Structure formats: C-alpha cells, structure tokens
Amino acid sequence: MPTGTVNLSTGTVIGTVKLNQTFEFILPSPATQAITITGYDQNGNTCAWFSPDPATISVGSTSVTVTAVLDSDSWYTYKLSGMVGATNVHIHVG
C-alpha cells in the first residue's frame, strides 16, 4: 500500500513519502497521452530519487506507483513530459 500520493495537477502531497516505501504520482482524470515523470534535486539537477525514474503514466491511467530510494534533509522535485502540471513542488522524503 503506498504511503503517500503526489497530485501532478496541483503539486499537493497527501500522506508521507517515505524512504524505501512506495508512493503514487496521480492525476485527477485519465491521461490522454503518456506522461513521463523525471526526478530532480533542489539544485535543478536530474536525480533518481524514486524508482523507476523516469516513471510513466500510460494513456487511460490515473497513476503510477514508484519507490522512494533517496532521502535528504532538503527536498526533491520532478519535471513532466506530456502535460502541464504544478511547478515548484517540494517533496520531502522521510
């Protein structure tokens, strides 16, 4: 069972993203094209803080489940391909 969710449209994190636990990237409605999610660190560098990275939400789906594989005293973010979503999202892995 995922420990948290990240809404790609709003950038809202619900629950807790925990190290070595699964969490979900979610959409409010089914994807009309494939959406790719790539991890980044707070400095804007690509950073595989979740696995698999990149993660893909398939056409017709509303989510993808990934595992947090890095923790930090700071935060992580992501970039999307295939949709315009929330920006400046800060996710803490505990």
PDB file of N, CA and C in Angstrom:
ATOM      1  N   MET A   1       0.843  -1.183   0.000  1.00  0.00           N
ATOM      2  CA  MET A   1       0.000   0.000   0.000  1.00  0.00           C
ATOM      3  C   MET A   1       0.895   1.255   0.000  1.00  0.00           C
ATOM      4  N   PRO A   2       0.707   2.167  -0.953  1.00  0.00           N
ATOM      5  CA  PRO A   2       1.526   3.390  -0.993  1.00  0.00           C
ATOM      6  C   PRO A   2       1.365   4.237   0.267  1.00  0.00           C
ATOM      7  N   THR A   3       2.473   4.870   0.680  1.00  0.00           N
ATOM      8  CA  THR A   3       2.455   5.700   1.888  1.00  0.00           C
ATOM      9  C   THR A   3       1.989   7.117   1.616  1.00  0.00           C
ATOM     10  N   GLY A   4       1.987   7.531   0.356  1.00  0.00           N
ATOM     11  CA  GLY A   4       1.586   8.884   0.019  1.00  0.00           C
ATOM     12  C   GLY A   4       1.264   9.010  -1.451  1.00  0.00           C
ATOM     13  N   THR A   5       0.706  10.170  -1.808  1.00  0.00           N
ATOM     14  CA  THR A   5       0.418  10.468  -3.202  1.00  0.00           C
ATOM     15  C   THR A   5       0.880  11.879  -3.521  1.00  0.00           C
ATOM     16  N   VAL A   6       1.262  12.074  -4.770  1.00  0.00           N
ATOM     17  CA  VAL A   6       1.627  13.392  -5.276  1.00  0.00           C
ATOM     18  C   VAL A   6       0.697  13.675  -6.447  1.00  0.00           C
ATOM     19  N   ASN A   7      -0.156  14.698  -6.316  1.00  0.00           N
ATOM     20  CA  ASN A   7      -1.072  15.088  -7.381  1.00  0.00           C
ATOM     21  C   ASN A   7      -0.291  15.927  -8.384  1.00  0.00           C
ATOM     22  N   LEU A   8      -0.143  15.440  -9.600  1.00  0.00           N
ATOM     23  CA  LEU A   8       0.654  16.139 -10.598  1.00  0.00           C
ATOM     24  C   LEU A   8       0.003  17.416 -11.093  1.00  0.00           C
ATOM     25  N   SER A   9      -1.313  17.516 -10.991  1.00  0.00           N
ATOM     26  CA  SER A   9      -2.003  18.731 -11.426  1.00  0.00           C
ATOM     27  C   SER A   9      -1.846  19.869 -10.438  1.00  0.00           C
ATOM     28  N   THR A  10      -1.905  19.543  -9.139  1.00  0.00           N
ATOM     29  CA  THR A  10      -1.875  20.595  -8.110  1.00  0.00           C
ATOM     30  C   THR A  10      -0.542  20.680  -7.379  1.00  0.00           C
ATOM     31  N   GLY A  11       0.264  19.620  -7.437  1.00  0.00           N
ATOM     32  CA  GLY A  11       1.515  19.577  -6.689  1.00  0.00           C
ATOM     33  C   GLY A  11       1.336  19.233  -5.229  1.00  0.00           C
ATOM     34  N   THR A  12       0.132  18.874  -4.845  1.00  0.00           N
ATOM     35  CA  THR A  12      -0.178  18.547  -3.459  1.00  0.00           C
ATOM     36  C   THR A  12       0.325  17.153  -3.099  1.00  0.00           C
ATOM     37  N   VAL A  13       0.995  17.068  -1.944  1.00  0.00           N
ATOM     38  CA  VAL A  13       1.427  15.781  -1.414  1.00  0.00           C
ATOM     39  C   VAL A  13       0.469  15.398  -0.298  1.00  0.00           C
ATOM     40  N   ILE A  14      -0.109  14.214  -0.410  1.00  0.00           N
ATOM     41  CA  ILE A  14      -1.028  13.707   0.611  1.00  0.00           C
ATOM     42  C   ILE A  14      -0.380  12.495   1.239  1.00  0.00           C
ATOM     43  N   GLY A  15      -0.307  12.486   2.562  1.00  0.00           N
ATOM     44  CA  GLY A  15       0.378  11.406   3.250  1.00  0.00           C
ATOM     45  C   GLY A  15       1.859  11.722   3.359  1.00  0.00           C
ATOM     46  N   THR A  16       2.670  10.680   3.461  1.00  0.00           N
ATOM     47  CA  THR A  16       4.100  10.848   3.644  1.00  0.00           C
ATOM     48  C   THR A  16       4.852  10.029   2.609  1.00  0.00           C
ATOM     49  N   VAL A  17       5.849  10.647   2.004  1.00  0.00           N
ATOM     50  CA  VAL A  17       6.733   9.919   1.096  1.00  0.00           C
ATOM     51  C   VAL A  17       7.900   9.425   1.947  1.00  0.00           C
ATOM     52  N   LYS A  18       7.990   8.104   2.101  1.00  0.00           N
ATOM     53  CA  LYS A  18       8.983   7.514   2.995  1.00  0.00           C
ATOM     54  C   LYS A  18      10.023   6.722   2.222  1.00  0.00           C
ATOM     55  N   LEU A  19      11.254   6.774   2.719  1.00  0.00           N
ATOM     56  CA  LEU A  19      12.367   6.049   2.112  1.00  0.00           C
ATOM     57  C   LEU A  19      12.054   4.558   2.036  1.00  0.00           C
ATOM     58  N   ASN A  20      12.336   3.967   0.896  1.00  0.00           N
ATOM     59  CA  ASN A  20      12.142   2.538   0.623  1.00  0.00           C
ATOM     60  C   ASN A  20      10.688   2.098   0.678  1.00  0.00           C
ATOM     61  N   GLN A  21       9.761   3.050   0.609  1.00  0.00           N
ATOM     62  CA  GLN A  21       8.324   2.740   0.573  1.00  0.00           C
ATOM     63  C   GLN A  21       7.745   3.247  -0.749  1.00  0.00           C
ATOM     64  N   THR A  22       6.648   2.653  -1.170  1.00  0.00           N
ATOM     65  CA  THR A  22       6.017   3.093  -2.407  1.00  0.00           C
ATOM     66  C   THR A  22       5.143   4.314  -2.159  1.00  0.00           C
ATOM     67  N   PHE A  23       5.021   5.119  -3.199  1.00  0.00           N
ATOM     68  CA  PHE A  23       4.069   6.222  -3.223  1.00  0.00           C
ATOM     69  C   PHE A  23       3.581   6.359  -4.657  1.00  0.00           C
ATOM     70  N   GLU A  24       2.555   7.171  -4.870  1.00  0.00           N
ATOM     71  CA  GLU A  24       1.973   7.297  -6.196  1.00  0.00           C
ATOM     72  C   GLU A  24       2.034   8.726  -6.709  1.00  0.00           C
ATOM     73  N   PHE A  25       2.290   8.865  -7.992  1.00  0.00           N
ATOM     74  CA  PHE A  25       2.036  10.099  -8.718  1.00  0.00           C
ATOM     75  C   PHE A  25       0.649   9.912  -9.316  1.00  0.00           C
ATOM     76  N   ILE A  26      -0.255  10.876  -9.088  1.00  0.00           N
ATOM     77  CA  ILE A  26      -1.641  10.700  -9.525  1.00  0.00           C
ATOM     78  C   ILE A  26      -2.124  11.870 -10.386  1.00  0.00           C
ATOM     79  N   LEU A  27      -3.166  11.589 -11.161  1.00  0.00           N
ATOM     80  CA  LEU A  27      -3.869  12.576 -11.978  1.00  0.00           C
ATOM     81  C   LEU A  27      -5.336  12.576 -11.579  1.00  0.00           C
ATOM     82  N   PRO A  28      -6.025  13.712 -11.739  1.00  0.00           N
ATOM     83  CA  PRO A  28      -7.451  13.744 -11.409  1.00  0.00           C
ATOM     84  C   PRO A  28      -8.324  13.045 -12.454  1.00  0.00           C
ATOM     85  N   SER A  29      -7.807  12.850 -13.662  1.00  0.00           N
ATOM     86  CA  SER A  29      -8.561  12.163 -14.713  1.00  0.00           C
ATOM     87  C   SER A  29      -7.579  11.360 -15.558  1.00  0.00           C
ATOM     88  N   PRO A  30      -8.069  10.383 -16.305  1.00  0.00           N
ATOM     89  CA  PRO A  30      -7.175   9.520 -17.082  1.00  0.00           C
ATOM     90  C   PRO A  30      -6.308  10.308 -18.073  1.00  0.00           C
ATOM     91  N   ALA A  31      -5.076   9.884 -18.211  1.00  0.00           N
ATOM     92  CA  ALA A  31      -4.141  10.514 -19.143  1.00  0.00           C
ATOM     93  C   ALA A  31      -4.604  10.297 -20.580  1.00  0.00           C
ATOM     94  N   THR A  32      -4.538  11.356 -21.385  1.00  0.00           N
ATOM     95  CA  THR A  32      -4.897  11.243 -22.800  1.00  0.00           C
ATOM     96  C   THR A  32      -3.666  10.976 -23.663  1.00  0.00           C
ATOM     97  N   GLN A  33      -2.486  11.108 -23.074  1.00  0.00           N
ATOM     98  CA  GLN A  33      -1.229  10.713 -23.710  1.00  0.00           C
ATOM     99  C   GLN A  33      -0.283  10.272 -22.599  1.00  0.00           C
ATOM    100  N   ALA A  34       0.762   9.561 -22.948  1.00  0.00           N
ATOM    101  CA  ALA A  34       1.716   9.098 -21.934  1.00  0.00           C
ATOM    102  C   ALA A  34       2.373  10.297 -21.252  1.00  0.00           C
ATOM    103  N   ILE A  35       2.497  10.224 -19.933  1.00  0.00           N
ATOM    104  CA  ILE A  35       3.118  11.286 -19.139  1.00  0.00           C
ATOM    105  C   ILE A  35       4.358  10.712 -18.474  1.00  0.00           C
ATOM    106  N   THR A  36       5.486  11.353 -18.700  1.00  0.00           N
ATOM    107  CA  THR A  36       6.758  10.908 -18.136  1.00  0.00           C
ATOM    108  C   THR A  36       7.153  11.833 -16.997  1.00  0.00           C
ATOM    109  N   ILE A  37       7.564  11.246 -15.870  1.00  0.00           N
ATOM    110  CA  ILE A  37       7.954  11.984 -14.668  1.00  0.00           C
ATOM    111  C   ILE A  37       9.426  11.685 -14.404  1.00  0.00           C
ATOM    112  N   THR A  38      10.243  12.737 -14.345  1.00  0.00           N
ATOM    113  CA  THR A  38      11.679  12.594 -14.133  1.00  0.00           C
ATOM    114  C   THR A  38      12.063  13.328 -12.854  1.00  0.00           C
ATOM    115  N   GLY A  39      12.843  12.693 -11.983  1.00  0.00           N
ATOM    116  CA  GLY A  39      13.241  13.275 -10.708  1.00  0.00           C
ATOM    117  C   GLY A  39      14.354  14.304 -10.838  1.00  0.00           C
ATOM    118  N   TYR A  40      14.284  15.329  -9.969  1.00  0.00           N
ATOM    119  CA  TYR A  40      15.300  16.383  -9.887  1.00  0.00           C
ATOM    120  C   TYR A  40      15.558  16.709  -8.424  1.00  0.00           C
ATOM    121  N   ASP A  41      16.768  17.209  -8.133  1.00  0.00           N
ATOM    122  CA  ASP A  41      17.063  17.665  -6.781  1.00  0.00           C
ATOM    123  C   ASP A  41      16.782  19.161  -6.666  1.00  0.00           C
ATOM    124  N   GLN A  42      16.994  19.726  -5.476  1.00  0.00           N
ATOM    125  CA  GLN A  42      16.670  21.126  -5.221  1.00  0.00           C
ATOM    126  C   GLN A  42      17.546  22.095  -6.011  1.00  0.00           C
ATOM    127  N   ASN A  43      18.651  21.594  -6.581  1.00  0.00           N
ATOM    128  CA  ASN A  43      19.539  22.437  -7.377  1.00  0.00           C
ATOM    129  C   ASN A  43      19.220  22.388  -8.868  1.00  0.00           C
ATOM    130  N   GLY A  44      18.190  21.639  -9.223  1.00  0.00           N
ATOM    131  CA  GLY A  44      17.798  21.547 -10.619  1.00  0.00           C
ATOM    132  C   GLY A  44      18.535  20.498 -11.424  1.00  0.00           C
ATOM    133  N   ASN A  45      19.250  19.610 -10.733  1.00  0.00           N
ATOM    134  CA  ASN A  45      19.970  18.523 -11.394  1.00  0.00           C
ATOM    135  C   ASN A  45      19.099  17.271 -11.442  1.00  0.00           C
ATOM    136  N   THR A  46      19.211  16.510 -12.520  1.00  0.00           N
ATOM    137  CA  THR A  46      18.473  15.256 -12.556  1.00  0.00           C
ATOM    138  C   THR A  46      18.930  14.394 -11.395  1.00  0.00           C
ATOM    139  N   CYS A  47      17.994  13.722 -10.767  1.00  0.00           N
ATOM    140  CA  CYS A  47      18.285  12.947  -9.565  1.00  0.00           C
ATOM    141  C   CYS A  47      17.246  11.838  -9.449  1.00  0.00           C
ATOM    142  N   ALA A  48      17.691  10.608  -9.531  1.00  0.00           N
ATOM    143  CA  ALA A  48      16.784   9.458  -9.456  1.00  0.00           C
ATOM    144  C   ALA A  48      16.434   9.180  -7.998  1.00  0.00           C
ATOM    145  N   TRP A  49      15.601  10.037  -7.404  1.00  0.00           N
ATOM    146  CA  TRP A  49      15.215   9.872  -6.001  1.00  0.00           C
ATOM    147  C   TRP A  49      14.038   8.910  -5.843  1.00  0.00           C
ATOM    148  N   PHE A  50      13.441   8.506  -6.962  1.00  0.00           N
ATOM    149  CA  PHE A  50      12.409   7.467  -6.955  1.00  0.00           C
ATOM    150  C   PHE A  50      12.741   6.471  -8.065  1.00  0.00           C
ATOM    151  N   SER A  51      12.167   5.276  -7.925  1.00  0.00           N
ATOM    152  CA  SER A  51      12.405   4.227  -8.910  1.00  0.00           C
ATOM    153  C   SER A  51      11.082   3.575  -9.286  1.00  0.00           C
ATOM    154  N   PRO A  52      10.813   3.340 -10.554  1.00  0.00           N
ATOM    155  CA  PRO A  52      11.699   3.653 -11.675  1.00  0.00           C
ATOM    156  C   PRO A  52      11.700   5.150 -11.995  1.00  0.00           C
ATOM    157  N   ASP A  53      12.809   5.643 -12.474  1.00  0.00           N
ATOM    158  CA  ASP A  53      12.956   7.029 -12.915  1.00  0.00           C
ATOM    159  C   ASP A  53      13.627   6.996 -14.276  1.00  0.00           C
ATOM    160  N   PRO A  54      12.937   7.445 -15.321  1.00  0.00           N
ATOM    161  CA  PRO A  54      11.644   8.105 -15.262  1.00  0.00           C
ATOM    162  C   PRO A  54      10.496   7.111 -15.065  1.00  0.00           C
ATOM    163  N   ALA A  55       9.408   7.648 -14.536  1.00  0.00           N
ATOM    164  CA  ALA A  55       8.179   6.874 -14.364  1.00  0.00           C
ATOM    165  C   ALA A  55       7.187   7.348 -15.422  1.00  0.00           C
ATOM    166  N   THR A  56       6.316   6.465 -15.855  1.00  0.00           N
ATOM    167  CA  THR A  56       5.361   6.813 -16.907  1.00  0.00           C
ATOM    168  C   THR A  56       3.940   6.452 -16.492  1.00  0.00           C
ATOM    169  N   ILE A  57       3.040   7.413 -16.673  1.00  0.00           N
ATOM    170  CA  ILE A  57       1.606   7.144 -16.541  1.00  0.00           C
ATOM    171  C   ILE A  57       1.102   6.889 -17.957  1.00  0.00           C
ATOM    172  N   SER A  58       0.571   5.713 -18.184  1.00  0.00           N
ATOM    173  CA  SER A  58       0.115   5.296 -19.508  1.00  0.00           C
ATOM    174  C   SER A  58      -1.205   5.951 -19.881  1.00  0.00           C
ATOM    175  N   VAL A  59      -1.469   6.003 -21.178  1.00  0.00           N
ATOM    176  CA  VAL A  59      -2.741   6.514 -21.679  1.00  0.00           C
ATOM    177  C   VAL A  59      -3.882   5.739 -21.021  1.00  0.00           C
ATOM    178  N   GLY A  60      -4.871   6.466 -20.508  1.00  0.00           N
ATOM    179  CA  GLY A  60      -6.035   5.851 -19.873  1.00  0.00           C
ATOM    180  C   GLY A  60      -5.876   5.595 -18.390  1.00  0.00           C
ATOM    181  N   SER A  61      -4.667   5.750 -17.866  1.00  0.00           N
ATOM    182  CA  SER A  61      -4.411   5.509 -16.449  1.00  0.00           C
ATOM    183  C   SER A  61      -4.429   6.831 -15.674  1.00  0.00           C
ATOM    184  N   THR A  62      -4.578   6.724 -14.352  1.00  0.00           N
ATOM    185  CA  THR A  62      -4.571   7.917 -13.498  1.00  0.00           C
ATOM    186  C   THR A  62      -3.413   7.936 -12.511  1.00  0.00           C
ATOM    187  N   SER A  63      -2.540   6.911 -12.546  1.00  0.00           N
ATOM    188  CA  SER A  63      -1.459   6.892 -11.563  1.00  0.00           C
ATOM    189  C   SER A  63      -0.334   5.967 -11.986  1.00  0.00           C
ATOM    190  N   VAL A  64       0.790   6.156 -11.302  1.00  0.00           N
ATOM    191  CA  VAL A  64       1.911   5.232 -11.395  1.00  0.00           C
ATOM    192  C   VAL A  64       2.484   5.109  -9.990  1.00  0.00           C
ATOM    193  N   THR A  65       2.847   3.908  -9.596  1.00  0.00           N
ATOM    194  CA  THR A  65       3.435   3.662  -8.285  1.00  0.00           C
ATOM    195  C   THR A  65       4.945   3.553  -8.428  1.00  0.00           C
ATOM    196  N   VAL A  66       5.658   4.272  -7.561  1.00  0.00           N
ATOM    197  CA  VAL A  66       7.120   4.273  -7.554  1.00  0.00           C
ATOM    198  C   VAL A  66       7.599   4.057  -6.125  1.00  0.00           C
ATOM    199  N   THR A  67       8.901   3.874  -5.956  1.00  0.00           N
ATOM    200  CA  THR A  67       9.507   3.698  -4.634  1.00  0.00           C
ATOM    201  C   THR A  67      10.511   4.812  -4.399  1.00  0.00           C
ATOM    202  N   ALA A  68      10.448   5.458  -3.226  1.00  0.00           N
ATOM    203  CA  ALA A  68      11.436   6.474  -2.851  1.00  0.00           C
ATOM    204  C   ALA A  68      12.740   5.772  -2.501  1.00  0.00           C
ATOM    205  N   VAL A  69      13.832   6.126  -3.180  1.00  0.00           N
ATOM    206  CA  VAL A  69      15.098   5.421  -2.974  1.00  0.00           C
ATOM    207  C   VAL A  69      16.200   6.310  -2.396  1.00  0.00           C
ATOM    208  N   LEU A  70      15.949   7.599  -2.241  1.00  0.00           N
ATOM    209  CA  LEU A  70      16.903   8.514  -1.612  1.00  0.00           C
ATOM    210  C   LEU A  70      16.170   9.367  -0.591  1.00  0.00           C
ATOM    211  N   ASP A  71      16.835   9.678   0.515  1.00  0.00           N
ATOM    212  CA  ASP A  71      16.266  10.643   1.448  1.00  0.00           C
ATOM    213  C   ASP A  71      17.219  11.826   1.544  1.00  0.00           C
ATOM    214  N   SER A  72      16.774  12.889   2.155  1.00  0.00           N
ATOM    215  CA  SER A  72      17.569  14.103   2.222  1.00  0.00           C
ATOM    216  C   SER A  72      17.013  15.008   3.296  1.00  0.00           C
ATOM    217  N   ASP A  73      17.883  15.869   3.841  1.00  0.00           N
ATOM    218  CA  ASP A  73      17.408  16.899   4.757  1.00  0.00           C
ATOM    219  C   ASP A  73      16.736  18.023   3.981  1.00  0.00           C
ATOM    220  N   SER A  74      16.903  18.016   2.676  1.00  0.00           N
ATOM    221  CA  SER A  74      16.326  19.036   1.822  1.00  0.00           C
ATOM    222  C   SER A  74      15.112  18.459   1.104  1.00  0.00           C
ATOM    223  N   TRP A  75      14.897  18.816  -0.123  1.00  0.00           N
ATOM    224  CA  TRP A  75      13.710  18.377  -0.849  1.00  0.00           C
ATOM    225  C   TRP A  75      14.068  17.966  -2.271  1.00  0.00           C
ATOM    226  N   TYR A  76      13.102  17.291  -2.905  1.00  0.00           N
ATOM    227  CA  TYR A  76      13.219  16.873  -4.301  1.00  0.00           C
ATOM    228  C   TYR A  76      12.036  17.427  -5.074  1.00  0.00           C
ATOM    229  N   THR A  77      12.149  17.372  -6.382  1.00  0.00           N
ATOM    230  CA  THR A  77      11.052  17.775  -7.243  1.00  0.00           C
ATOM    231  C   THR A  77      11.052  16.868  -8.468  1.00  0.00           C
ATOM    232  N   TYR A  78      10.302  17.225  -9.477  1.00  0.00           N
ATOM    233  CA  TYR A  78      10.204  16.434 -10.700  1.00  0.00           C
ATOM    234  C   TYR A  78       9.855  17.355 -11.859  1.00  0.00           C
ATOM    235  N   LYS A  79      10.047  16.861 -13.055  1.00  0.00           N
ATOM    236  CA  LYS A  79       9.600  17.549 -14.271  1.00  0.00           C
ATOM    237  C   LYS A  79       8.748  16.574 -15.057  1.00  0.00           C
ATOM    238  N   LEU A  80       7.774  17.144 -15.762  1.00  0.00           N
ATOM    239  CA  LEU A  80       6.821  16.343 -16.513  1.00  0.00           C
ATOM    240  C   LEU A  80       7.017  16.517 -18.007  1.00  0.00           C
ATOM    241  N   SER A  81       6.755  15.464 -18.726  1.00  0.00           N
ATOM    242  CA  SER A  81       6.685  15.500 -20.169  1.00  0.00           C
ATOM    243  C   SER A  81       5.345  14.892 -20.548  1.00  0.00           C
ATOM    244  N   GLY A  82       4.581  15.574 -21.383  1.00  0.00           N
ATOM    245  CA  GLY A  82       3.282  15.053 -21.801  1.00  0.00           C
ATOM    246  C   GLY A  82       2.109  15.778 -21.186  1.00  0.00           C
ATOM    247  N   MET A  83       2.374  16.692 -20.245  1.00  0.00           N
ATOM    248  CA  MET A  83       1.303  17.501 -19.651  1.00  0.00           C
ATOM    249  C   MET A  83       1.918  18.715 -18.974  1.00  0.00           C
ATOM    250  N   VAL A  84       1.075  19.721 -18.774  1.00  0.00           N
ATOM    251  CA  VAL A  84       1.469  20.877 -17.976  1.00  0.00           C
ATOM    252  C   VAL A  84       0.901  20.635 -16.583  1.00  0.00           C
ATOM    253  N   GLY A  85       1.756  20.649 -15.592  1.00  0.00           N
ATOM    254  CA  GLY A  85       1.312  20.397 -14.223  1.00  0.00           C
ATOM    255  C   GLY A  85       1.823  21.468 -13.289  1.00  0.00           C
ATOM    256  N   ALA A  86       1.680  21.225 -12.013  1.00  0.00           N
ATOM    257  CA  ALA A  86       2.151  22.154 -10.986  1.00  0.00           C
ATOM    258  C   ALA A  86       3.672  22.287 -11.082  1.00  0.00           C
ATOM    259  N   THR A  87       4.172  23.470 -10.785  1.00  0.00           N
ATOM    260  CA  THR A  87       5.611  23.708 -10.773  1.00  0.00           C
ATOM    261  C   THR A  87       6.048  24.097  -9.368  1.00  0.00           C
ATOM    262  N   ASN A  88       7.340  24.103  -9.143  1.00  0.00           N
ATOM    263  CA  ASN A  88       7.911  24.468  -7.842  1.00  0.00           C
ATOM    264  C   ASN A  88       7.399  23.586  -6.709  1.00  0.00           C
ATOM    265  N   VAL A  89       7.253  22.306  -6.990  1.00  0.00           N
ATOM    266  CA  VAL A  89       6.794  21.344  -5.979  1.00  0.00           C
ATOM    267  C   VAL A  89       7.995  20.860  -5.180  1.00  0.00           C
ATOM    268  N   HIS A  90       7.886  20.896  -3.851  1.00  0.00           N
ATOM    269  CA  HIS A  90       8.963  20.439  -2.960  1.00  0.00           C
ATOM    270  C   HIS A  90       8.474  19.199  -2.218  1.00  0.00           C
ATOM    271  N   ILE A  91       9.173  18.087  -2.416  1.00  0.00           N
ATOM    272  CA  ILE A  91       8.793  16.827  -1.785  1.00  0.00           C
ATOM    273  C   ILE A  91       9.896  16.386  -0.842  1.00  0.00           C
ATOM    274  N   HIS A  92       9.541  16.158   0.400  1.00  0.00           N
ATOM    275  CA  HIS A  92      10.484  15.687   1.411  1.00  0.00           C
ATOM    276  C   HIS A  92      10.306  14.174   1.576  1.00  0.00           C
ATOM    277  N   VAL A  93      11.426  13.461   1.580  1.00  0.00           N
ATOM    278  CA  VAL A  93      11.393  12.014   1.789  1.00  0.00           C
ATOM    279  C   VAL A  93      11.864  11.751   3.207  1.00  0.00           C
ATOM    280  N   GLY A  94      11.034  11.081   3.991  1.00  0.00           N
ATOM    281  CA  GLY A  94      11.362  10.830   5.380  1.00  0.00           C
ATOM    282  C   GLY A  94      11.629   9.393   5.679  1.00  0.00           C
TER     283      GLY A  94
END
